[in-house]
Amino acid sequence: MVDRWDYPDDGLGDCEDMQLLKRKLLVERGLPQRAMRMTVVIDEVGAGHAVLRVRTDRGDLILDNKRDAVLPWQQTGYVYVKGEGADGKAWVRFGDRIAPTATAAK
């Protein structure tokens, strides 16, 4: 079955659907779309996962439907595989950049 990326209009969806919705809601609230990039990672159990990477003047922050916290990319513990490029049309490979293990305080 082909995985469709779509808004979770019924409140249900997988990780990329949730990230699309987050990006849409943040754009509606005034955050520039060019600051947000869909990103593919390998998660803590070795599975593919989508997160929303937000470029800020303090570095890239990760919005993730697996966590309530917004974390700098280095604190997620994920392996970064690829993400939307600067123009939002092409995907850029990160070379499997590894983030250190998450150590964020609760």
PDB file of N, CA and C in Angstrom:
ATOM      1  N   MET A   1       0.837  -1.181   0.000  1.00  0.00           N
ATOM      2  CA  MET A   1       0.000   0.000   0.000  1.00  0.00           C
ATOM      3  C   MET A   1       0.886   1.250   0.000  1.00  0.00           C
ATOM      4  N   VAL A   2       0.575   2.202  -0.835  1.00  0.00           N
ATOM      5  CA  VAL A   2       1.338   3.439  -0.940  1.00  0.00           C
ATOM      6  C   VAL A   2       0.965   4.364   0.215  1.00  0.00           C
ATOM      7  N   ASP A   3       1.998   4.916   0.850  1.00  0.00           N
ATOM      8  CA  ASP A   3       1.787   5.848   1.959  1.00  0.00           C
ATOM      9  C   ASP A   3       1.472   7.220   1.386  1.00  0.00           C
ATOM     10  N   ARG A   4       0.325   7.760   1.735  1.00  0.00           N
ATOM     11  CA  ARG A   4      -0.067   9.104   1.291  1.00  0.00           C
ATOM     12  C   ARG A   4       0.278  10.107   2.367  1.00  0.00           C
ATOM     13  N   TRP A   5       0.821  11.240   1.940  1.00  0.00           N
ATOM     14  CA  TRP A   5       1.060  12.352   2.845  1.00  0.00           C
ATOM     15  C   TRP A   5      -0.125  13.279   2.708  1.00  0.00           C
ATOM     16  N   ASP A   6      -0.876  13.441   3.775  1.00  0.00           N
ATOM     17  CA  ASP A   6      -2.075  14.263   3.725  1.00  0.00           C
ATOM     18  C   ASP A   6      -2.354  14.813   5.121  1.00  0.00           C
ATOM     19  N   TYR A   7      -3.188  15.841   5.182  1.00  0.00           N
ATOM     20  CA  TYR A   7      -3.568  16.396   6.477  1.00  0.00           C
ATOM     21  C   TYR A   7      -4.453  15.405   7.223  1.00  0.00           C
ATOM     22  N   PRO A   8      -4.253  15.252   8.524  1.00  0.00           N
ATOM     23  CA  PRO A   8      -5.077  14.332   9.311  1.00  0.00           C
ATOM     24  C   PRO A   8      -6.419  14.972   9.673  1.00  0.00           C
ATOM     25  N   ASP A   9      -7.256  15.194   8.680  1.00  0.00           N
ATOM     26  CA  ASP A   9      -8.527  15.893   8.879  1.00  0.00           C
ATOM     27  C   ASP A   9      -9.451  15.197   9.876  1.00  0.00           C
ATOM     28  N   ASP A  10      -9.316  13.875   9.994  1.00  0.00           N
ATOM     29  CA  ASP A  10     -10.155  13.130  10.924  1.00  0.00           C
ATOM     30  C   ASP A  10      -9.498  12.981  12.299  1.00  0.00           C
ATOM     31  N   GLY A  11      -8.357  13.663  12.499  1.00  0.00           N
ATOM     32  CA  GLY A  11      -7.641  13.574  13.766  1.00  0.00           C
ATOM     33  C   GLY A  11      -6.679  12.402  13.835  1.00  0.00           C
ATOM     34  N   LEU A  12      -6.662  11.587  12.787  1.00  0.00           N
ATOM     35  CA  LEU A  12      -5.776  10.428  12.740  1.00  0.00           C
ATOM     36  C   LEU A  12      -4.785  10.593  11.603  1.00  0.00           C
ATOM     37  N   GLY A  13      -3.611  10.072  11.803  1.00  0.00           N
ATOM     38  CA  GLY A  13      -2.597  10.121  10.760  1.00  0.00           C
ATOM     39  C   GLY A  13      -1.272   9.643  11.308  1.00  0.00           C
ATOM     40  N   ASP A  14      -0.330   9.419  10.406  1.00  0.00           N
ATOM     41  CA  ASP A  14       0.987   9.008  10.862  1.00  0.00           C
ATOM     42  C   ASP A  14       1.898  10.228  10.983  1.00  0.00           C
ATOM     43  N   CYS A  15       3.166   9.993  11.207  1.00  0.00           N
ATOM     44  CA  CYS A  15       4.066  11.084  11.578  1.00  0.00           C
ATOM     45  C   CYS A  15       4.137  12.191  10.531  1.00  0.00           C
ATOM     46  N   GLU A  16       4.233  11.844   9.257  1.00  0.00           N
ATOM     47  CA  GLU A  16       4.327  12.926   8.262  1.00  0.00           C
ATOM     48  C   GLU A  16       3.025  13.703   8.138  1.00  0.00           C
ATOM     49  N   ASP A  17       1.892  13.047   8.332  1.00  0.00           N
ATOM     50  CA  ASP A  17       0.607  13.752   8.306  1.00  0.00           C
ATOM     51  C   ASP A  17       0.542  14.787   9.424  1.00  0.00           C
ATOM     52  N   MET A  18       1.004  14.401  10.608  1.00  0.00           N
ATOM     53  CA  MET A  18       0.997  15.324  11.749  1.00  0.00           C
ATOM     54  C   MET A  18       1.937  16.508  11.514  1.00  0.00           C
ATOM     55  N   GLN A  19       3.091  16.242  10.874  1.00  0.00           N
ATOM     56  CA  GLN A  19       4.035  17.332  10.608  1.00  0.00           C
ATOM     57  C   GLN A  19       3.465  18.303   9.566  1.00  0.00           C
ATOM     58  N   LEU A  20       2.748  17.773   8.570  1.00  0.00           N
ATOM     59  CA  LEU A  20       2.088  18.651   7.591  1.00  0.00           C
ATOM     60  C   LEU A  20       1.079  19.562   8.278  1.00  0.00           C
ATOM     61  N   LEU A  21       0.316  18.995   9.207  1.00  0.00           N
ATOM     62  CA  LEU A  21      -0.673  19.793   9.935  1.00  0.00           C
ATOM     63  C   LEU A  21       0.012  20.854  10.798  1.00  0.00           C
ATOM     64  N   LYS A  22       1.081  20.475  11.498  1.00  0.00           N
ATOM     65  CA  LYS A  22       1.819  21.448  12.312  1.00  0.00           C
ATOM     66  C   LYS A  22       2.312  22.601  11.453  1.00  0.00           C
ATOM     67  N   ARG A  23       2.886  22.273  10.295  1.00  0.00           N
ATOM     68  CA  ARG A  23       3.409  23.321   9.418  1.00  0.00           C
ATOM     69  C   ARG A  23       2.281  24.237   8.949  1.00  0.00           C
ATOM     70  N   LYS A  24       1.162  23.662   8.575  1.00  0.00           N
ATOM     71  CA  LYS A  24       0.013  24.456   8.132  1.00  0.00           C
ATOM     72  C   LYS A  24      -0.451  25.405   9.237  1.00  0.00           C
ATOM     73  N   LEU A  25      -0.585  24.895  10.454  1.00  0.00           N
ATOM     74  CA  LEU A  25      -1.054  25.716  11.581  1.00  0.00           C
ATOM     75  C   LEU A  25      -0.052  26.816  11.926  1.00  0.00           C
ATOM     76  N   LEU A  26       1.237  26.506  11.863  1.00  0.00           N
ATOM     77  CA  LEU A  26       2.248  27.522  12.158  1.00  0.00           C
ATOM     78  C   LEU A  26       2.294  28.611  11.088  1.00  0.00           C
ATOM     79  N   VAL A  27       2.097  28.239   9.834  1.00  0.00           N
ATOM     80  CA  VAL A  27       2.021  29.237   8.751  1.00  0.00           C
ATOM     81  C   VAL A  27       0.812  30.137   8.972  1.00  0.00           C
ATOM     82  N   GLU A  28      -0.315  29.557   9.352  1.00  0.00           N
ATOM     83  CA  GLU A  28      -1.522  30.350   9.632  1.00  0.00           C
ATOM     84  C   GLU A  28      -1.297  31.331  10.776  1.00  0.00           C
ATOM     85  N   ARG A  29      -0.372  31.012  11.665  1.00  0.00           N
ATOM     86  CA  ARG A  29      -0.067  31.890  12.804  1.00  0.00           C
ATOM     87  C   ARG A  29       1.102  32.838  12.523  1.00  0.00           C
ATOM     88  N   GLY A  30       1.593  32.830  11.275  1.00  0.00           N
ATOM     89  CA  GLY A  30       2.581  33.816  10.866  1.00  0.00           C
ATOM     90  C   GLY A  30       4.013  33.359  10.739  1.00  0.00           C
ATOM     91  N   LEU A  31       4.332  32.106  11.061  1.00  0.00           N
ATOM     92  CA  LEU A  31       5.705  31.635  10.880  1.00  0.00           C
ATOM     93  C   LEU A  31       5.944  31.419   9.387  1.00  0.00           C
ATOM     94  N   PRO A  32       7.059  31.915   8.850  1.00  0.00           N
ATOM     95  CA  PRO A  32       7.293  31.745   7.413  1.00  0.00           C
ATOM     96  C   PRO A  32       7.482  30.276   7.040  1.00  0.00           C
ATOM     97  N   GLN A  33       6.803  29.846   6.006  1.00  0.00           N
ATOM     98  CA  GLN A  33       6.900  28.455   5.571  1.00  0.00           C
ATOM     99  C   GLN A  33       8.328  28.087   5.208  1.00  0.00           C
ATOM    100  N   ARG A  34       9.089  29.048   4.700  1.00  0.00           N
ATOM    101  CA  ARG A  34      10.467  28.763   4.301  1.00  0.00           C
ATOM    102  C   ARG A  34      11.354  28.397   5.493  1.00  0.00           C
ATOM    103  N   ALA A  35      10.890  28.672   6.716  1.00  0.00           N
ATOM    104  CA  ALA A  35      11.657  28.331   7.914  1.00  0.00           C
ATOM    105  C   ALA A  35      11.422  26.893   8.357  1.00  0.00           C
ATOM    106  N   MET A  36      10.450  26.207   7.757  1.00  0.00           N
ATOM    107  CA  MET A  36      10.081  24.864   8.198  1.00  0.00           C
ATOM    108  C   MET A  36      10.338  23.845   7.094  1.00  0.00           C
ATOM    109  N   ARG A  37      10.977  22.757   7.456  1.00  0.00           N
ATOM    110  CA  ARG A  37      11.332  21.717   6.498  1.00  0.00           C
ATOM    111  C   ARG A  37      10.954  20.337   7.027  1.00  0.00           C
ATOM    112  N   MET A  38      10.257  19.585   6.211  1.00  0.00           N
ATOM    113  CA  MET A  38       9.997  18.182   6.531  1.00  0.00           C
ATOM    114  C   MET A  38      11.337  17.463   6.533  1.00  0.00           C
ATOM    115  N   THR A  39      11.529  16.567   7.496  1.00  0.00           N
ATOM    116  CA  THR A  39      12.809  15.885   7.652  1.00  0.00           C
ATOM    117  C   THR A  39      12.568  14.416   7.998  1.00  0.00           C
ATOM    118  N   VAL A  40      13.351  13.543   7.360  1.00  0.00           N
ATOM    119  CA  VAL A  40      13.251  12.111   7.605  1.00  0.00           C
ATOM    120  C   VAL A  40      14.411  11.700   8.498  1.00  0.00           C
ATOM    121  N   VAL A  41      14.077  10.955   9.551  1.00  0.00           N
ATOM    122  CA  VAL A  41      15.075  10.487  10.508  1.00  0.00           C
ATOM    123  C   VAL A  41      14.894   8.985  10.730  1.00  0.00           C
ATOM    124  N   ILE A  42      15.888   8.404  11.371  1.00  0.00           N
ATOM    125  CA  ILE A  42      15.762   7.053  11.911  1.00  0.00           C
ATOM    126  C   ILE A  42      15.589   7.246  13.413  1.00  0.00           C
ATOM    127  N   ASP A  43      14.510   6.704  13.962  1.00  0.00           N
ATOM    128  CA  ASP A  43      14.184   6.966  15.365  1.00  0.00           C
ATOM    129  C   ASP A  43      14.901   6.009  16.320  1.00  0.00           C
ATOM    130  N   GLU A  44      14.501   6.054  17.573  1.00  0.00           N
ATOM    131  CA  GLU A  44      15.169   5.297  18.634  1.00  0.00           C
ATOM    132  C   GLU A  44      15.041   3.788  18.499  1.00  0.00           C
ATOM    133  N   VAL A  45      14.084   3.309  17.689  1.00  0.00           N
ATOM    134  CA  VAL A  45      13.936   1.864  17.490  1.00  0.00           C
ATOM    135  C   VAL A  45      14.392   1.432  16.098  1.00  0.00           C
ATOM    136  N   GLY A  46      15.030   2.362  15.376  1.00  0.00           N
ATOM    137  CA  GLY A  46      15.555   2.040  14.056  1.00  0.00           C
ATOM    138  C   GLY A  46      14.552   2.158  12.923  1.00  0.00           C
ATOM    139  N   ALA A  47      13.419   2.780  13.178  1.00  0.00           N
ATOM    140  CA  ALA A  47      12.379   2.931  12.153  1.00  0.00           C
ATOM    141  C   ALA A  47      12.447   4.313  11.514  1.00  0.00           C
ATOM    142  N   GLY A  48      11.987   4.411  10.276  1.00  0.00           N
ATOM    143  CA  GLY A  48      11.871   5.702   9.612  1.00  0.00           C
ATOM    144  C   GLY A  48      10.796   6.538  10.288  1.00  0.00           C
ATOM    145  N   HIS A  49      11.046   7.836  10.362  1.00  0.00           N
ATOM    146  CA  HIS A  49      10.132   8.731  11.072  1.00  0.00           C
ATOM    147  C   HIS A  49      10.269  10.124  10.458  1.00  0.00           C
ATOM    148  N   ALA A  50       9.173  10.867  10.414  1.00  0.00           N
ATOM    149  CA  ALA A  50       9.189  12.240   9.900  1.00  0.00           C
ATOM    150  C   ALA A  50       9.020  13.226  11.044  1.00  0.00           C
ATOM    151  N   VAL A  51       9.817  14.291  11.003  1.00  0.00           N
ATOM    152  CA  VAL A  51       9.727  15.377  11.974  1.00  0.00           C
ATOM    153  C   VAL A  51       9.703  16.691  11.201  1.00  0.00           C
ATOM    154  N   LEU A  52       9.324  17.746  11.882  1.00  0.00           N
ATOM    155  CA  LEU A  52       9.343  19.074  11.271  1.00  0.00           C
ATOM    156  C   LEU A  52      10.532  19.833  11.854  1.00  0.00           C
ATOM    157  N   ARG A  53      11.449  20.229  10.979  1.00  0.00           N
ATOM    158  CA  ARG A  53      12.647  20.972  11.382  1.00  0.00           C
ATOM    159  C   ARG A  53      12.386  22.453  11.142  1.00  0.00           C
ATOM    160  N   VAL A  54      12.560  23.244  12.191  1.00  0.00           N
ATOM    161  CA  VAL A  54      12.312  24.679  12.097  1.00  0.00           C
ATOM    162  C   VAL A  54      13.648  25.404  12.226  1.00  0.00           C
ATOM    163  N   ARG A  55      14.018  26.151  11.184  1.00  0.00           N
ATOM    164  CA  ARG A  55      15.269  26.908  11.173  1.00  0.00           C
ATOM    165  C   ARG A  55      15.064  28.194  11.953  1.00  0.00           C
ATOM    166  N   THR A  56      15.892  28.416  12.968  1.00  0.00           N
ATOM    167  CA  THR A  56      15.787  29.625  13.780  1.00  0.00           C
ATOM    168  C   THR A  56      17.159  30.266  13.919  1.00  0.00           C
ATOM    169  N   ASP A  57      17.198  31.461  14.481  1.00  0.00           N
ATOM    170  CA  ASP A  57      18.479  32.111  14.727  1.00  0.00           C
ATOM    171  C   ASP A  57      19.230  31.439  15.878  1.00  0.00           C
ATOM    172  N   ARG A  58      18.595  30.501  16.551  1.00  0.00           N
ATOM    173  CA  ARG A  58      19.233  29.726  17.632  1.00  0.00           C
ATOM    174  C   ARG A  58      19.553  28.305  17.199  1.00  0.00           C
ATOM    175  N   GLY A  59      19.451  28.032  15.914  1.00  0.00           N
ATOM    176  CA  GLY A  59      19.688  26.687  15.395  1.00  0.00           C
ATOM    177  C   GLY A  59      18.390  25.999  15.019  1.00  0.00           C
ATOM    178  N   ASP A  60      18.522  24.794  14.496  1.00  0.00           N
ATOM    179  CA  ASP A  60      17.357  24.024  14.061  1.00  0.00           C
ATOM    180  C   ASP A  60      16.670  23.368  15.257  1.00  0.00           C
ATOM    181  N   LEU A  61      15.362  23.567  15.326  1.00  0.00           N
ATOM    182  CA  LEU A  61      14.539  22.945  16.371  1.00  0.00           C
ATOM    183  C   LEU A  61      13.669  21.875  15.725  1.00  0.00           C
ATOM    184  N   ILE A  62      13.365  20.824  16.487  1.00  0.00           N
ATOM    185  CA  ILE A  62      12.594  19.703  15.959  1.00  0.00           C
ATOM    186  C   ILE A  62      11.238  19.622  16.648  1.00  0.00           C
ATOM    187  N   LEU A  63      10.192  19.636  15.826  1.00  0.00           N
ATOM    188  CA  LEU A  63       8.825  19.392  16.285  1.00  0.00           C
ATOM    189  C   LEU A  63       8.512  17.946  15.919  1.00  0.00           C
ATOM    190  N   ASP A  64       8.073  17.188  16.891  1.00  0.00           N
ATOM    191  CA  ASP A  64       7.966  15.747  16.733  1.00  0.00           C
ATOM    192  C   ASP A  64       6.692  15.260  17.414  1.00  0.00           C
ATOM    193  N   ASN A  65       5.888  14.466  16.727  1.00  0.00           N
ATOM    194  CA  ASN A  65       4.654  13.982  17.339  1.00  0.00           C
ATOM    195  C   ASN A  65       4.896  12.903  18.393  1.00  0.00           C
ATOM    196  N   LYS A  66       6.140  12.471  18.589  1.00  0.00           N
ATOM    197  CA  LYS A  66       6.458  11.503  19.639  1.00  0.00           C
ATOM    198  C   LYS A  66       6.769  12.175  20.969  1.00  0.00           C
ATOM    199  N   ARG A  67       6.965  13.495  20.948  1.00  0.00           N
ATOM    200  CA  ARG A  67       7.353  14.226  22.153  1.00  0.00           C
ATOM    201  C   ARG A  67       6.530  15.492  22.285  1.00  0.00           C
ATOM    202  N   ASP A  68       6.331  15.912  23.528  1.00  0.00           N
ATOM    203  CA  ASP A  68       5.678  17.196  23.770  1.00  0.00           C
ATOM    204  C   ASP A  68       6.674  18.342  23.666  1.00  0.00           C
ATOM    205  N   ALA A  69       7.941  18.075  23.939  1.00  0.00           N
ATOM    206  CA  ALA A  69       8.969  19.119  23.950  1.00  0.00           C
ATOM    207  C   ALA A  69       9.467  19.442  22.547  1.00  0.00           C
ATOM    208  N   VAL A  70       9.789  20.705  22.331  1.00  0.00           N
ATOM    209  CA  VAL A  70      10.492  21.136  21.122  1.00  0.00           C
ATOM    210  C   VAL A  70      11.972  21.105  21.481  1.00  0.00           C
ATOM    211  N   LEU A  71      12.759  20.327  20.719  1.00  0.00           N
ATOM    212  CA  LEU A  71      14.163  20.133  21.055  1.00  0.00           C
ATOM    213  C   LEU A  71      15.084  20.615  19.948  1.00  0.00           C
ATOM    214  N   PRO A  72      16.283  21.072  20.303  1.00  0.00           N
ATOM    215  CA  PRO A  72      17.307  21.275  19.282  1.00  0.00           C
ATOM    216  C   PRO A  72      17.602  19.916  18.634  1.00  0.00           C
ATOM    217  N   TRP A  73      17.965  19.911  17.362  1.00  0.00           N
ATOM    218  CA  TRP A  73      18.137  18.635  16.662  1.00  0.00           C
ATOM    219  C   TRP A  73      19.145  17.732  17.368  1.00  0.00           C
ATOM    220  N   GLN A  74      20.163  18.316  18.000  1.00  0.00           N
ATOM    221  CA  GLN A  74      21.201  17.523  18.643  1.00  0.00           C
ATOM    222  C   GLN A  74      20.699  16.760  19.865  1.00  0.00           C
ATOM    223  N   GLN A  75      19.568  17.145  20.413  1.00  0.00           N
ATOM    224  CA  GLN A  75      19.052  16.495  21.622  1.00  0.00           C
ATOM    225  C   GLN A  75      18.009  15.422  21.351  1.00  0.00           C
ATOM    226  N   THR A  76      17.758  15.112  20.089  1.00  0.00           N
ATOM    227  CA  THR A  76      16.717  14.131  19.775  1.00  0.00           C
ATOM    228  C   THR A  76      17.197  12.693  19.822  1.00  0.00           C
ATOM    229  N   GLY A  77      18.492  12.466  19.584  1.00  0.00           N
ATOM    230  CA  GLY A  77      19.001  11.107  19.512  1.00  0.00           C
ATOM    231  C   GLY A  77      18.713  10.425  18.182  1.00  0.00           C
ATOM    232  N   TYR A  78      18.133  11.139  17.224  1.00  0.00           N
ATOM    233  CA  TYR A  78      17.792  10.561  15.924  1.00  0.00           C
ATOM    234  C   TYR A  78      18.988  10.590  14.968  1.00  0.00           C
ATOM    235  N   VAL A  79      18.927   9.741  13.954  1.00  0.00           N
ATOM    236  CA  VAL A  79      19.847   9.798  12.830  1.00  0.00           C
ATOM    237  C   VAL A  79      19.124  10.567  11.725  1.00  0.00           C
ATOM    238  N   TYR A  80      19.714  11.654  11.255  1.00  0.00           N
ATOM    239  CA  TYR A  80      19.095  12.517  10.240  1.00  0.00           C
ATOM    240  C   TYR A  80      19.482  12.030   8.860  1.00  0.00           C
ATOM    241  N   VAL A  81      18.486  11.663   8.055  1.00  0.00           N
ATOM    242  CA  VAL A  81      18.702  11.041   6.757  1.00  0.00           C
ATOM    243  C   VAL A  81      18.577  12.049   5.629  1.00  0.00           C
ATOM    244  N   LYS A  82      17.415  12.715   5.535  1.00  0.00           N
ATOM    245  CA  LYS A  82      17.213  13.687   4.456  1.00  0.00           C
ATOM    246  C   LYS A  82      16.103  14.652   4.840  1.00  0.00           C
ATOM    247  N   GLY A  83      16.069  15.776   4.133  1.00  0.00           N
ATOM    248  CA  GLY A  83      15.041  16.770   4.402  1.00  0.00           C
ATOM    249  C   GLY A  83      14.799  17.643   3.190  1.00  0.00           C
ATOM    250  N   GLU A  84      13.722  18.400   3.264  1.00  0.00           N
ATOM    251  CA  GLU A  84      13.427  19.338   2.182  1.00  0.00           C
ATOM    252  C   GLU A  84      14.566  20.333   2.060  1.00  0.00           C
ATOM    253  N   GLY A  85      14.941  20.627   0.824  1.00  0.00           N
ATOM    254  CA  GLY A  85      15.986  21.612   0.584  1.00  0.00           C
ATOM    255  C   GLY A  85      15.470  23.025   0.768  1.00  0.00           C
ATOM    256  N   ALA A  86      16.350  23.985   0.572  1.00  0.00           N
ATOM    257  CA  ALA A  86      16.031  25.400   0.797  1.00  0.00           C
ATOM    258  C   ALA A  86      14.875  25.891  -0.058  1.00  0.00           C
ATOM    259  N   ASP A  87      14.725  25.342  -1.263  1.00  0.00           N
ATOM    260  CA  ASP A  87      13.637  25.798  -2.127  1.00  0.00           C
ATOM    261  C   ASP A  87      12.335  25.049  -1.868  1.00  0.00           C
ATOM    262  N   GLY A  88      12.379  24.029  -1.012  1.00  0.00           N
ATOM    263  CA  GLY A  88      11.180  23.265  -0.681  1.00  0.00           C
ATOM    264  C   GLY A  88      10.743  22.300  -1.758  1.00  0.00           C
ATOM    265  N   LYS A  89      11.503  22.202  -2.848  1.00  0.00           N
ATOM    266  CA  LYS A  89      11.107  21.329  -3.956  1.00  0.00           C
ATOM    267  C   LYS A  89      11.930  20.049  -4.001  1.00  0.00           C
ATOM    268  N   ALA A  90      13.196  20.144  -3.669  1.00  0.00           N
ATOM    269  CA  ALA A  90      14.082  18.988  -3.736  1.00  0.00           C
ATOM    270  C   ALA A  90      14.452  18.535  -2.321  1.00  0.00           C
ATOM    271  N   TRP A  91      14.760  17.262  -2.197  1.00  0.00           N
ATOM    272  CA  TRP A  91      15.195  16.706  -0.916  1.00  0.00           C
ATOM    273  C   TRP A  91      16.714  16.648  -0.901  1.00  0.00           C
ATOM    274  N   VAL A  92      17.296  16.907   0.267  1.00  0.00           N
ATOM    275  CA  VAL A  92      18.743  16.926   0.439  1.00  0.00           C
ATOM    276  C   VAL A  92      19.120  15.817   1.410  1.00  0.00           C
ATOM    277  N   ARG A  93      20.103  15.041   1.040  1.00  0.00           N
ATOM    278  CA  ARG A  93      20.585  13.965   1.915  1.00  0.00           C
ATOM    279  C   ARG A  93      21.554  14.552   2.933  1.00  0.00           C
ATOM    280  N   PHE A  94      21.405  14.153   4.199  1.00  0.00           N
ATOM    281  CA  PHE A  94      22.253  14.661   5.277  1.00  0.00           C
ATOM    282  C   PHE A  94      23.465  13.781   5.538  1.00  0.00           C
ATOM    283  N   GLY A  95      23.559  12.646   4.873  1.00  0.00           N
ATOM    284  CA  GLY A  95      24.686  11.757   5.124  1.00  0.00           C
ATOM    285  C   GLY A  95      24.561  11.019   6.440  1.00  0.00           C
ATOM    286  N   ASP A  96      23.322  10.751   6.868  1.00  0.00           N
ATOM    287  CA  ASP A  96      23.060  10.008   8.105  1.00  0.00           C
ATOM    288  C   ASP A  96      23.752  10.647   9.305  1.00  0.00           C
ATOM    289  N   ARG A  97      23.545  11.921   9.450  1.00  0.00           N
ATOM    290  CA  ARG A  97      24.133  12.687  10.548  1.00  0.00           C
ATOM    291  C   ARG A  97      23.505  12.240  11.866  1.00  0.00           C
ATOM    292  N   ILE A  98      24.322  11.844  12.789  1.00  0.00           N
ATOM    293  CA  ILE A  98      23.831  11.294  14.054  1.00  0.00           C
ATOM    294  C   ILE A  98      23.795  12.374  15.129  1.00  0.00           C
ATOM    295  N   ALA A  99      22.653  12.485  15.779  1.00  0.00           N
ATOM    296  CA  ALA A  99      22.513  13.392  16.926  1.00  0.00           C
ATOM    297  C   ALA A  99      22.883  12.609  18.181  1.00  0.00           C
ATOM    298  N   PRO A 100      23.501  13.267  19.143  1.00  0.00           N
ATOM    299  CA  PRO A 100      23.793  12.577  20.403  1.00  0.00           C
ATOM    300  C   PRO A 100      22.500  12.108  21.072  1.00  0.00           C
ATOM    301  N   THR A 101      22.593  11.216  22.006  1.00  0.00           N
ATOM    302  CA  THR A 101      21.424  10.716  22.725  1.00  0.00           C
ATOM    303  C   THR A 101      20.726  11.866  23.443  1.00  0.00           C
ATOM    304  N   ALA A 102      19.406  11.848  23.424  1.00  0.00           N
ATOM    305  CA  ALA A 102      18.614  12.901  24.053  1.00  0.00           C
ATOM    306  C   ALA A 102      18.907  12.968  25.547  1.00  0.00           C
ATOM    307  N   THR A 103      19.080  14.196  26.048  1.00  0.00           N
ATOM    308  CA  THR A 103      19.349  14.376  27.465  1.00  0.00           C
ATOM    309  C   THR A 103      18.486  15.494  28.032  1.00  0.00           C
ATOM    310  N   ALA A 104      17.399  15.809  27.342  1.00  0.00           N
ATOM    311  CA  ALA A 104      16.546  16.929  27.777  1.00  0.00           C
ATOM    312  C   ALA A 104      15.916  16.623  29.132  1.00  0.00           C
ATOM    313  N   ALA A 105      15.892  17.636  29.976  1.00  0.00           N
ATOM    314  CA  ALA A 105      15.255  17.493  31.290  1.00  0.00           C
ATOM    315  C   ALA A 105      13.744  17.507  31.145  1.00  0.00           C
ATOM    316  N   LYS A 106      13.075  16.855  32.057  1.00  0.00           N
ATOM    317  CA  LYS A 106      11.611  16.827  32.019  1.00  0.00           C
ATOM    318  C   LYS A 106      11.050  18.067  32.628  1.00  0.00           C
TER     319      LYS A 106
END
